[in-house]
Amino acid sequence: MNRKPPDKAGRKPGSAKGSGFGANRKPPKKGHDPKAAAKRAALNALKRAKRQADRAGVKLSDWEGEFLGSVTDRLKTYGRAFGDPEKGAPGQALSALQTVKLKEIAAKAKGEKKDLKRRPFRRKGKT
């Protein structure tokens, strides 16, 4: 057999310390903050949705306008728009439901139609 014995540290040959998953990744750039990036991305998405609605002439409901304004204020003040850490992923600026609502508002601003509503199962045979 052509097997080499393990080195002093007990590692197999060719498996140097530091090799493996993520060994070739560069360290994060100095000044790179993932929380700040998530905050900027969320603020840009809010601005984009409002701008698209204004340009398309789509009338947002009072609730939708208030939602966009309050979420923007909370992002600027606290860096995230929700208080309970269980409602969103760590490092994210918007909770899961806020993200869904923002996507719905953006789709409404683009003029995209809603998906078909679900229908209950029907019996086969009689129509």
Foldseek 3Di string as FASTA:
>chain_A
DPADAADPVRDGPPDDPQDDPPSPPDPDDPPDDLLLVLLVVVLVLLVLLVVLLVVLVPDDDPVLVVLSVQLNVCCVPPSARDDDPVQPPPSHRYGPVSVVVSVVSSCVSVVHDDDDDDDDDDDPDDD
